[in-house]
């Protein structure tokens, strides 16, 4: 069942964060749905309600342009039929004005993100307000961004600029956006932190106090970049060095401070890369492209289950369903 992020956030606020996972292909789609329904490799049917979670499917501009956006949309429609117990939002990640309008007009997306954070404040407000008005007219909700994340991921390149709490309050009031992505020290990609650097919870606390009560906040660039997956990639011929991410024990603390949505993309890529590299290494004579896919889907489902536990969203699916 496709719902809006607003419907998910009402149930989540202050209690847990909803995982927002980027997808690019069939295997990621299947693994994502299985994982969020608690369908493990050992127990794919029936679902385990203690592990089932609401979630957000994120489609980036890069994913939409990889082949044709209609392929991904068709995959999601099919998954919605095949996994009827799932409750999720379909969200455009880091949209510009043109892609947001295209998604709003498509009638398929329940949520879009307009990222005008690289513009001066006044222009960010103007662009965001335009998208908000167009989206709200069709019942679609809007995530906006204030401040800038560092790092590189797909076509998103940023330099760090933490969100100003006072500006956040003004921005929300002037734009009417439904949720706000804030910069509190995270960054895109697999190389997020150096040394003991971590999230700026002091800034997050001030933002939460400044914006309206129960207003949903969003953390981008929040993959944990697990050392074990990096090591598996490197042991199978990769060369990823000095990668680091957000500590998973910080997810729930952020959720308690108003972060309702936590974006995870890099980690899914690491799982994909590790499984494919290991398959090619261990089965060099195998030229069946489905072999690696069969290994990846349950591995990704298990990883989604793990992530949802850290986010606090595991076991929350039935509670969300009861509010719809």
Foldseek 3Di string as FASTA:
>chain_A
DADAVLLLLVVQFLQFAAEEEEDQDLLLLLLLLQLQQCCFPVRSPPGDLLLHFAHEYEYEPCSCVVPHVVRVLVSVVVVCVVRVLYYYFYEYPADDLVVLVVVLVVPRGQEYEHEPQVDPLVVQLVSLLVSQVSNVVSNHAYEYEHFWADDDDDPDHTDGGFGDLQSLQVSCVSRVHQEYETGFQAHADFQRDDDPDAGNVVRLLSNLVRHDDLRAYEYENAAANDPVLVVLLVVLPDDDPNGGGHPLLVLQVSSSSRHHYYYDYNVLVSLLNSLVSVCCSVCVPDPPPCVSSVVSSSVSSVVSSVSCVSRSRRSCSVVSVVSD
